[in-house]
Amino acid sequence: MKIYRAADTDLSAALRETLAKLGLDGGMVSESSRRKTLEIFGEALTPLEVVRKILRDVRARGDEAISEYARKLDGATLPPKKFLVTAQGNEAAWRSMPPCFRKSLARAGENIRRFQEHIKLKAPAPLRNREGGGARWNTGRWRASASAYPAAAPRIRPRS
């Protein structure tokens, strides 16, 4: 373990150096992880490079890539047709959870719903000008109502 003494070291530089080593781009991985990366990918990659490579592969090959990485990384045999969870499977999973966990999930869902309602774009009240014209909110932008431009409004002729 390296010990830094404030009187002898530029602590900011030492911290940046340590964080660089610990970051996803850094080379601080266990020897077993390094061997597994070489075995699976055929080259030494940083954790970030591994994630990027897997994501590119999944985007290109979809569920087949997920199935392959599940086998290579976790030793799991997971064919893509097993990815789909039925309604009965969801219900069984929900019932198998402890009540306190179900309550937490329900509360999290409600918090998400309330937050989304709070930030949802709401139509503002119509604007009116002195001549009685105005604008209304329509599909995310203001649109002039017909009376906003009196010259363009149709003329109504009185009956004779």
N, C-alpha and C. Protein backbone atom coordinates (compact mmCIF):
# COMPACT_ATOMS: atom_id res chain seq x y z
N MET A 1 0.85 -1.17 0.00
CA MET A 1 0.00 0.00 0.00
C MET A 1 0.89 1.23 0.00
N LYS A 2 0.53 2.16 -0.88
CA LYS A 2 1.29 3.39 -0.98
C LYS A 2 0.74 4.42 0.00
N ILE A 3 1.61 5.07 0.76
CA ILE A 3 1.21 6.10 1.72
C ILE A 3 1.72 7.44 1.22
N TYR A 4 0.82 8.39 1.19
CA TYR A 4 1.17 9.74 0.76
C TYR A 4 1.25 10.65 1.98
N ARG A 5 2.31 11.44 2.06
CA ARG A 5 2.45 12.41 3.14
C ARG A 5 2.25 13.79 2.54
N ALA A 6 1.36 14.56 3.16
CA ALA A 6 1.00 15.87 2.64
C ALA A 6 2.21 16.78 2.49
N ALA A 7 3.16 16.67 3.39
CA ALA A 7 4.33 17.55 3.34
C ALA A 7 5.26 17.19 2.19
N ASP A 8 5.23 15.95 1.74
CA ASP A 8 6.16 15.48 0.72
C ASP A 8 5.54 15.32 -0.66
N THR A 9 4.23 15.44 -0.79
CA THR A 9 3.54 15.05 -2.02
C THR A 9 2.56 16.11 -2.47
N ASP A 10 2.41 16.21 -3.78
CA ASP A 10 1.32 17.00 -4.35
C ASP A 10 0.10 16.08 -4.31
N LEU A 11 -0.74 16.27 -3.30
CA LEU A 11 -1.86 15.35 -3.08
C LEU A 11 -2.86 15.37 -4.24
N SER A 12 -3.05 16.52 -4.86
CA SER A 12 -3.98 16.58 -5.99
C SER A 12 -3.51 15.69 -7.13
N ALA A 13 -2.23 15.76 -7.43
CA ALA A 13 -1.68 14.94 -8.50
C ALA A 13 -1.74 13.46 -8.13
N ALA A 14 -1.43 13.14 -6.88
CA ALA A 14 -1.47 11.75 -6.43
C ALA A 14 -2.89 11.20 -6.50
N LEU A 15 -3.87 12.02 -6.13
CA LEU A 15 -5.26 11.59 -6.20
C LEU A 15 -5.69 11.36 -7.65
N ARG A 16 -5.33 12.28 -8.55
CA ARG A 16 -5.67 12.10 -9.97
C ARG A 16 -5.05 10.81 -10.52
N GLU A 17 -3.81 10.55 -10.15
CA GLU A 17 -3.12 9.35 -10.62
C GLU A 17 -3.82 8.09 -10.11
N THR A 18 -4.19 8.09 -8.84
CA THR A 18 -4.86 6.92 -8.25
C THR A 18 -6.23 6.71 -8.88
N LEU A 19 -6.99 7.81 -9.06
CA LEU A 19 -8.31 7.69 -9.67
C LEU A 19 -8.22 7.19 -11.11
N ALA A 20 -7.18 7.61 -11.83
CA ALA A 20 -6.99 7.14 -13.20
C ALA A 20 -6.77 5.63 -13.22
N LYS A 21 -6.03 5.12 -12.25
CA LYS A 21 -5.77 3.68 -12.18
C LYS A 21 -7.04 2.90 -11.81
N LEU A 22 -7.87 3.50 -10.96
CA LEU A 22 -9.06 2.81 -10.50
C LEU A 22 -10.23 2.94 -11.45
N GLY A 23 -10.18 3.92 -12.35
CA GLY A 23 -11.30 4.16 -13.25
C GLY A 23 -11.49 3.03 -14.24
N LEU A 24 -12.58 3.12 -14.99
CA LEU A 24 -12.89 2.08 -15.97
C LEU A 24 -11.83 1.98 -17.06
N ASP A 25 -11.14 3.08 -17.34
CA ASP A 25 -10.09 3.05 -18.35
C ASP A 25 -8.77 2.52 -17.80
N GLY A 26 -8.67 2.48 -16.48
CA GLY A 26 -7.41 2.09 -15.85
C GLY A 26 -7.16 0.60 -15.97
N GLY A 27 -5.98 0.22 -15.59
CA GLY A 27 -5.58 -1.18 -15.72
C GLY A 27 -5.72 -1.97 -14.43
N MET A 28 -6.41 -1.45 -13.42
CA MET A 28 -6.50 -2.15 -12.15
C MET A 28 -7.61 -3.19 -12.19
N VAL A 29 -7.26 -4.36 -12.67
CA VAL A 29 -8.18 -5.49 -12.66
C VAL A 29 -7.45 -6.67 -12.07
N SER A 30 -8.20 -7.59 -11.50
CA SER A 30 -7.57 -8.76 -10.90
C SER A 30 -6.93 -9.62 -11.99
N GLU A 31 -6.02 -10.46 -11.57
CA GLU A 31 -5.35 -11.34 -12.53
C GLU A 31 -6.36 -12.31 -13.15
N SER A 32 -7.31 -12.78 -12.36
CA SER A 32 -8.31 -13.70 -12.92
C SER A 32 -9.19 -12.98 -13.96
N SER A 33 -9.51 -11.71 -13.72
CA SER A 33 -10.29 -10.94 -14.70
C SER A 33 -9.49 -10.72 -15.97
N ARG A 34 -8.22 -10.45 -15.81
CA ARG A 34 -7.36 -10.25 -16.97
C ARG A 34 -7.31 -11.52 -17.82
N ARG A 35 -7.17 -12.68 -17.16
CA ARG A 35 -7.13 -13.96 -17.88
C ARG A 35 -8.46 -14.23 -18.59
N LYS A 36 -9.57 -13.97 -17.90
CA LYS A 36 -10.89 -14.20 -18.48
C LYS A 36 -11.10 -13.31 -19.70
N THR A 37 -10.66 -12.06 -19.61
CA THR A 37 -10.78 -11.13 -20.75
C THR A 37 -10.00 -11.66 -21.94
N LEU A 38 -8.79 -12.10 -21.71
CA LEU A 38 -7.98 -12.67 -22.80
C LEU A 38 -8.64 -13.92 -23.39
N GLU A 39 -9.18 -14.75 -22.52
CA GLU A 39 -9.83 -15.99 -22.97
C GLU A 39 -11.06 -15.70 -23.83
N ILE A 40 -11.87 -14.73 -23.41
CA ILE A 40 -13.13 -14.46 -24.10
C ILE A 40 -12.93 -13.59 -25.33
N PHE A 41 -12.11 -12.55 -25.20
CA PHE A 41 -11.98 -11.56 -26.27
C PHE A 41 -10.70 -11.69 -27.08
N GLY A 42 -9.78 -12.50 -26.61
CA GLY A 42 -8.55 -12.73 -27.35
C GLY A 42 -7.54 -11.60 -27.29
N GLU A 43 -7.80 -10.62 -26.45
CA GLU A 43 -6.88 -9.49 -26.29
C GLU A 43 -7.09 -8.85 -24.92
N ALA A 44 -6.07 -8.12 -24.47
CA ALA A 44 -6.17 -7.41 -23.20
C ALA A 44 -7.01 -6.15 -23.41
N LEU A 45 -8.09 -6.02 -22.65
CA LEU A 45 -8.97 -4.87 -22.75
C LEU A 45 -9.23 -4.30 -21.36
N THR A 46 -9.45 -3.00 -21.30
CA THR A 46 -9.86 -2.38 -20.04
C THR A 46 -11.32 -2.73 -19.81
N PRO A 47 -11.81 -2.57 -18.59
CA PRO A 47 -13.23 -2.84 -18.35
C PRO A 47 -14.14 -2.02 -19.27
N LEU A 48 -13.82 -0.77 -19.50
CA LEU A 48 -14.64 0.06 -20.38
C LEU A 48 -14.63 -0.48 -21.81
N GLU A 49 -13.48 -0.92 -22.28
CA GLU A 49 -13.41 -1.50 -23.63
C GLU A 49 -14.22 -2.78 -23.73
N VAL A 50 -14.24 -3.58 -22.66
CA VAL A 50 -15.04 -4.80 -22.65
C VAL A 50 -16.52 -4.46 -22.78
N VAL A 51 -16.97 -3.48 -21.98
CA VAL A 51 -18.39 -3.08 -22.01
C VAL A 51 -18.75 -2.56 -23.39
N ARG A 52 -17.91 -1.72 -23.95
CA ARG A 52 -18.19 -1.17 -25.29
C ARG A 52 -18.27 -2.27 -26.34
N LYS A 53 -17.37 -3.23 -26.25
CA LYS A 53 -17.35 -4.33 -27.21
C LYS A 53 -18.63 -5.17 -27.09
N ILE A 54 -19.03 -5.47 -25.86
CA ILE A 54 -20.25 -6.25 -25.65
C ILE A 54 -21.46 -5.48 -26.17
N LEU A 55 -21.55 -4.19 -25.87
CA LEU A 55 -22.70 -3.40 -26.33
C LEU A 55 -22.77 -3.35 -27.85
N ARG A 56 -21.63 -3.16 -28.52
CA ARG A 56 -21.63 -3.16 -29.99
C ARG A 56 -22.13 -4.50 -30.53
N ASP A 57 -21.66 -5.58 -29.91
CA ASP A 57 -22.04 -6.92 -30.36
C ASP A 57 -23.54 -7.16 -30.14
N VAL A 58 -24.05 -6.73 -28.99
CA VAL A 58 -25.48 -6.93 -28.71
C VAL A 58 -26.32 -6.09 -29.67
N ARG A 59 -25.88 -4.87 -29.96
CA ARG A 59 -26.62 -4.05 -30.93
C ARG A 59 -26.64 -4.71 -32.30
N ALA A 60 -25.54 -5.35 -32.66
CA ALA A 60 -25.44 -5.97 -33.98
C ALA A 60 -26.17 -7.32 -34.04
N ARG A 61 -26.06 -8.13 -32.99
CA ARG A 61 -26.59 -9.50 -33.05
C ARG A 61 -27.76 -9.78 -32.12
N GLY A 62 -28.09 -8.84 -31.27
CA GLY A 62 -29.26 -8.97 -30.41
C GLY A 62 -29.16 -10.07 -29.37
N ASP A 63 -30.27 -10.80 -29.23
CA ASP A 63 -30.40 -11.82 -28.19
C ASP A 63 -29.35 -12.93 -28.31
N GLU A 64 -28.95 -13.24 -29.53
CA GLU A 64 -27.93 -14.29 -29.71
C GLU A 64 -26.64 -13.89 -29.00
N ALA A 65 -26.27 -12.61 -29.09
CA ALA A 65 -25.06 -12.14 -28.41
C ALA A 65 -25.22 -12.21 -26.89
N ILE A 66 -26.40 -11.84 -26.40
CA ILE A 66 -26.65 -11.90 -24.96
C ILE A 66 -26.51 -13.33 -24.47
N SER A 67 -27.10 -14.25 -25.22
CA SER A 67 -27.02 -15.67 -24.86
C SER A 67 -25.56 -16.14 -24.84
N GLU A 68 -24.81 -15.73 -25.84
CA GLU A 68 -23.40 -16.13 -25.92
C GLU A 68 -22.59 -15.58 -24.75
N TYR A 69 -22.78 -14.30 -24.41
CA TYR A 69 -22.03 -13.71 -23.30
C TYR A 69 -22.46 -14.29 -21.96
N ALA A 70 -23.74 -14.65 -21.82
CA ALA A 70 -24.19 -15.30 -20.58
C ALA A 70 -23.44 -16.62 -20.40
N ARG A 71 -23.27 -17.34 -21.51
CA ARG A 71 -22.54 -18.62 -21.45
C ARG A 71 -21.06 -18.39 -21.17
N LYS A 72 -20.44 -17.46 -21.91
CA LYS A 72 -19.00 -17.24 -21.76
C LYS A 72 -18.62 -16.62 -20.43
N LEU A 73 -19.41 -15.66 -19.97
CA LEU A 73 -19.05 -14.93 -18.75
C LEU A 73 -19.56 -15.60 -17.48
N ASP A 74 -20.75 -16.19 -17.55
CA ASP A 74 -21.37 -16.73 -16.34
C ASP A 74 -21.54 -18.24 -16.36
N GLY A 75 -21.27 -18.85 -17.50
CA GLY A 75 -21.48 -20.29 -17.60
C GLY A 75 -22.95 -20.67 -17.65
N ALA A 76 -23.82 -19.71 -17.97
CA ALA A 76 -25.26 -19.95 -18.00
C ALA A 76 -25.71 -20.34 -19.40
N THR A 77 -26.53 -21.38 -19.47
CA THR A 77 -27.13 -21.76 -20.74
C THR A 77 -28.50 -21.09 -20.79
N LEU A 78 -28.59 -20.07 -21.61
CA LEU A 78 -29.79 -19.24 -21.64
C LEU A 78 -30.16 -18.96 -23.09
N PRO A 79 -30.93 -19.85 -23.72
CA PRO A 79 -31.31 -19.61 -25.10
C PRO A 79 -32.26 -18.40 -25.19
N PRO A 80 -32.19 -17.64 -26.28
CA PRO A 80 -33.03 -16.44 -26.42
C PRO A 80 -34.52 -16.67 -26.21
N LYS A 81 -35.02 -17.87 -26.57
CA LYS A 81 -36.46 -18.11 -26.39
C LYS A 81 -36.85 -18.11 -24.91
N LYS A 82 -35.88 -18.26 -24.01
CA LYS A 82 -36.17 -18.24 -22.58
C LYS A 82 -36.13 -16.82 -22.01
N PHE A 83 -35.80 -15.82 -22.83
CA PHE A 83 -35.72 -14.44 -22.34
C PHE A 83 -37.10 -13.89 -22.01
N LEU A 84 -38.12 -14.35 -22.72
CA LEU A 84 -39.47 -13.84 -22.54
C LEU A 84 -40.06 -14.40 -21.25
N VAL A 85 -40.57 -13.50 -20.41
CA VAL A 85 -41.22 -13.90 -19.16
C VAL A 85 -42.72 -13.76 -19.36
N THR A 86 -43.45 -14.80 -19.05
CA THR A 86 -44.90 -14.79 -19.23
C THR A 86 -45.55 -13.99 -18.10
N ALA A 87 -46.81 -13.67 -18.30
CA ALA A 87 -47.58 -12.97 -17.26
C ALA A 87 -47.64 -13.82 -15.99
N GLN A 88 -47.79 -15.14 -16.17
CA GLN A 88 -47.83 -16.03 -15.01
C GLN A 88 -46.48 -16.03 -14.28
N GLY A 89 -45.38 -15.96 -15.05
CA GLY A 89 -44.06 -15.90 -14.44
C GLY A 89 -43.85 -14.61 -13.65
N ASN A 90 -44.34 -13.51 -14.22
CA ASN A 90 -44.25 -12.23 -13.50
C ASN A 90 -45.05 -12.28 -12.21
N GLU A 91 -46.25 -12.82 -12.28
CA GLU A 91 -47.12 -12.91 -11.09
C GLU A 91 -46.48 -13.79 -10.03
N ALA A 92 -45.91 -14.93 -10.45
CA ALA A 92 -45.26 -15.83 -9.49
C ALA A 92 -44.05 -15.16 -8.85
N ALA A 93 -43.29 -14.42 -9.64
CA ALA A 93 -42.13 -13.71 -9.09
C ALA A 93 -42.59 -12.65 -8.09
N TRP A 94 -43.66 -11.92 -8.41
CA TRP A 94 -44.19 -10.89 -7.51
C TRP A 94 -44.64 -11.52 -6.19
N ARG A 95 -45.35 -12.64 -6.26
CA ARG A 95 -45.83 -13.30 -5.04
C ARG A 95 -44.70 -13.86 -4.21
N SER A 96 -43.59 -14.23 -4.87
CA SER A 96 -42.47 -14.83 -4.12
C SER A 96 -41.63 -13.81 -3.36
N MET A 97 -41.83 -12.52 -3.66
CA MET A 97 -41.05 -11.48 -2.98
C MET A 97 -41.62 -11.22 -1.59
N PRO A 98 -40.76 -10.87 -0.64
CA PRO A 98 -41.25 -10.49 0.69
C PRO A 98 -42.14 -9.25 0.57
N PRO A 99 -43.18 -9.16 1.39
CA PRO A 99 -44.10 -8.02 1.32
C PRO A 99 -43.40 -6.66 1.44
N CYS A 100 -42.36 -6.57 2.26
CA CYS A 100 -41.67 -5.28 2.42
C CYS A 100 -40.99 -4.87 1.11
N PHE A 101 -40.49 -5.83 0.34
CA PHE A 101 -39.85 -5.53 -0.94
C PHE A 101 -40.90 -5.10 -1.97
N ARG A 102 -42.05 -5.80 -1.98
CA ARG A 102 -43.14 -5.41 -2.89
C ARG A 102 -43.60 -3.99 -2.58
N LYS A 103 -43.69 -3.68 -1.30
CA LYS A 103 -44.10 -2.33 -0.88
C LYS A 103 -43.09 -1.29 -1.37
N SER A 104 -41.81 -1.60 -1.26
CA SER A 104 -40.76 -0.69 -1.73
C SER A 104 -40.84 -0.48 -3.24
N LEU A 105 -41.07 -1.56 -3.98
CA LEU A 105 -41.20 -1.45 -5.44
C LEU A 105 -42.42 -0.62 -5.82
N ALA A 106 -43.52 -0.84 -5.13
CA ALA A 106 -44.73 -0.07 -5.42
C ALA A 106 -44.50 1.41 -5.12
N ARG A 107 -43.82 1.71 -4.02
CA ARG A 107 -43.53 3.10 -3.68
C ARG A 107 -42.60 3.73 -4.72
N ALA A 108 -41.59 2.98 -5.17
CA ALA A 108 -40.68 3.50 -6.21
C ALA A 108 -41.45 3.79 -7.49
N GLY A 109 -42.35 2.90 -7.87
CA GLY A 109 -43.16 3.12 -9.07
C GLY A 109 -44.03 4.36 -8.94
N GLU A 110 -44.63 4.53 -7.76
CA GLU A 110 -45.46 5.72 -7.53
C GLU A 110 -44.62 6.99 -7.57
N ASN A 111 -43.43 6.95 -7.00
CA ASN A 111 -42.54 8.12 -7.03
C ASN A 111 -42.16 8.47 -8.47
N ILE A 112 -41.88 7.48 -9.27
CA ILE A 112 -41.54 7.72 -10.68
C ILE A 112 -42.73 8.34 -11.41
N ARG A 113 -43.92 7.77 -11.19
CA ARG A 113 -45.12 8.30 -11.83
C ARG A 113 -45.37 9.76 -11.42
N ARG A 114 -45.26 10.05 -10.13
CA ARG A 114 -45.49 11.43 -9.66
C ARG A 114 -44.46 12.39 -10.24
N PHE A 115 -43.20 11.96 -10.32
CA PHE A 115 -42.16 12.83 -10.87
C PHE A 115 -42.44 13.10 -12.34
N GLN A 116 -42.80 12.07 -13.10
CA GLN A 116 -43.06 12.25 -14.52
C GLN A 116 -44.28 13.15 -14.74
N GLU A 117 -45.30 13.01 -13.90
CA GLU A 117 -46.46 13.91 -14.00
C GLU A 117 -46.03 15.34 -13.72
N HIS A 118 -45.14 15.51 -12.77
CA HIS A 118 -44.68 16.85 -12.39
C HIS A 118 -43.93 17.54 -13.53
N ILE A 119 -43.11 16.77 -14.26
CA ILE A 119 -42.30 17.39 -15.32
C ILE A 119 -42.97 17.36 -16.68
N LYS A 120 -44.12 16.69 -16.78
CA LYS A 120 -44.81 16.57 -18.06
C LYS A 120 -45.22 17.95 -18.57
N LEU A 121 -45.05 18.15 -19.85
CA LEU A 121 -45.42 19.41 -20.48
C LEU A 121 -46.92 19.58 -20.40
N LYS A 122 -47.33 20.69 -19.83
CA LYS A 122 -48.75 20.97 -19.71
C LYS A 122 -49.09 22.17 -20.59
N ALA A 123 -50.25 22.14 -21.19
CA ALA A 123 -50.68 23.24 -22.06
C ALA A 123 -50.98 24.47 -21.21
N PRO A 124 -50.33 25.60 -21.49
CA PRO A 124 -50.62 26.81 -20.74
C PRO A 124 -51.94 27.43 -21.19
N ALA A 125 -52.41 28.39 -20.40
CA ALA A 125 -53.65 29.08 -20.74
C ALA A 125 -53.46 29.87 -22.03
N PRO A 126 -54.51 30.04 -22.84
CA PRO A 126 -54.39 30.81 -24.08
C PRO A 126 -53.96 32.25 -23.82
N LEU A 127 -53.20 32.80 -24.74
CA LEU A 127 -52.80 34.20 -24.67
C LEU A 127 -53.84 35.03 -25.40
N ARG A 128 -54.14 36.20 -24.88
CA ARG A 128 -55.08 37.10 -25.54
C ARG A 128 -54.44 38.47 -25.71
N ASN A 129 -54.70 39.11 -26.86
CA ASN A 129 -54.22 40.48 -27.03
C ASN A 129 -55.40 41.44 -26.89
N ARG A 130 -55.11 42.73 -26.98
CA ARG A 130 -56.16 43.73 -26.76
C ARG A 130 -57.27 43.68 -27.80
N GLU A 131 -56.97 43.23 -28.99
CA GLU A 131 -57.98 43.18 -30.04
C GLU A 131 -58.83 41.92 -29.96
N GLY A 132 -58.57 41.10 -28.98
CA GLY A 132 -59.37 39.88 -28.83
C GLY A 132 -58.74 38.68 -29.51
N GLY A 133 -57.67 38.90 -30.25
CA GLY A 133 -56.98 37.78 -30.88
C GLY A 133 -56.11 37.08 -29.87
N GLY A 134 -55.49 36.04 -30.25
CA GLY A 134 -54.64 35.34 -29.30
C GLY A 134 -53.90 34.20 -29.94
N ALA A 135 -53.43 33.35 -29.09
CA ALA A 135 -52.71 32.16 -29.54
C ALA A 135 -53.07 31.03 -28.60
N ARG A 136 -52.98 29.83 -29.11
CA ARG A 136 -53.25 28.67 -28.27
C ARG A 136 -52.09 27.69 -28.39
N TRP A 137 -51.94 26.87 -27.38
CA TRP A 137 -50.87 25.86 -27.35
C TRP A 137 -51.36 24.65 -28.09
N ASN A 138 -50.59 24.21 -29.10
CA ASN A 138 -51.01 23.06 -29.88
C ASN A 138 -49.78 22.25 -30.26
N THR A 139 -49.76 21.00 -29.89
CA THR A 139 -48.68 20.06 -30.21
C THR A 139 -47.31 20.63 -29.93
N GLY A 140 -47.16 21.20 -28.74
CA GLY A 140 -45.83 21.60 -28.30
C GLY A 140 -45.36 22.96 -28.75
N ARG A 141 -46.25 23.79 -29.35
CA ARG A 141 -45.83 25.14 -29.72
C ARG A 141 -47.05 26.05 -29.80
N TRP A 142 -46.77 27.33 -29.74
CA TRP A 142 -47.85 28.31 -29.82
C TRP A 142 -48.32 28.46 -31.27
N ARG A 143 -49.62 28.51 -31.44
CA ARG A 143 -50.20 28.72 -32.77
C ARG A 143 -51.20 29.86 -32.65
N ALA A 144 -51.17 30.75 -33.64
CA ALA A 144 -52.09 31.89 -33.62
C ALA A 144 -53.49 31.41 -33.88
N SER A 145 -54.42 31.97 -33.13
CA SER A 145 -55.82 31.68 -33.43
C SER A 145 -56.25 32.61 -34.57
N ALA A 146 -57.34 32.31 -35.24
CA ALA A 146 -57.75 33.08 -36.42
C ALA A 146 -57.89 34.56 -36.12
N SER A 147 -58.38 34.90 -34.93
CA SER A 147 -58.59 36.31 -34.63
C SER A 147 -57.31 37.02 -34.20
N ALA A 148 -56.20 36.32 -34.16
CA ALA A 148 -54.94 36.97 -33.81
C ALA A 148 -54.50 37.90 -34.92
N TYR A 149 -54.91 37.61 -36.13
CA TYR A 149 -54.55 38.43 -37.29
C TYR A 149 -55.85 38.95 -37.91
N PRO A 150 -56.37 40.06 -37.42
CA PRO A 150 -57.67 40.52 -37.91
C PRO A 150 -57.74 40.68 -39.42
N ALA A 151 -56.66 41.07 -40.07
CA ALA A 151 -56.69 41.27 -41.52
C ALA A 151 -56.89 39.94 -42.24
N ALA A 152 -56.43 38.86 -41.64
CA ALA A 152 -56.54 37.56 -42.29
C ALA A 152 -57.82 36.84 -41.92
N ALA A 153 -58.53 37.35 -40.91
CA ALA A 153 -59.77 36.69 -40.48
C ALA A 153 -60.85 36.90 -41.53
N PRO A 154 -61.71 35.93 -41.72
CA PRO A 154 -62.78 36.10 -42.70
C PRO A 154 -63.72 37.24 -42.28
N ARG A 155 -64.13 37.99 -43.25
CA ARG A 155 -65.06 39.10 -42.99
C ARG A 155 -66.49 38.55 -42.97
N ILE A 156 -67.25 39.02 -42.03
CA ILE A 156 -68.65 38.61 -41.96
C ILE A 156 -69.48 39.82 -42.39
N ARG A 157 -70.25 39.66 -43.44
CA ARG A 157 -71.07 40.76 -43.95
C ARG A 157 -72.45 40.69 -43.30
N PRO A 158 -72.94 41.83 -42.85
CA PRO A 158 -74.29 41.81 -42.27
C PRO A 158 -75.31 41.50 -43.36
N ARG A 159 -76.41 40.90 -42.96
CA ARG A 159 -77.47 40.57 -43.91
C ARG A 159 -78.17 41.86 -44.32
N SER A 160 -78.60 41.91 -45.56
CA SER A 160 -79.33 43.10 -46.01
C SER A 160 -80.80 42.85 -46.04
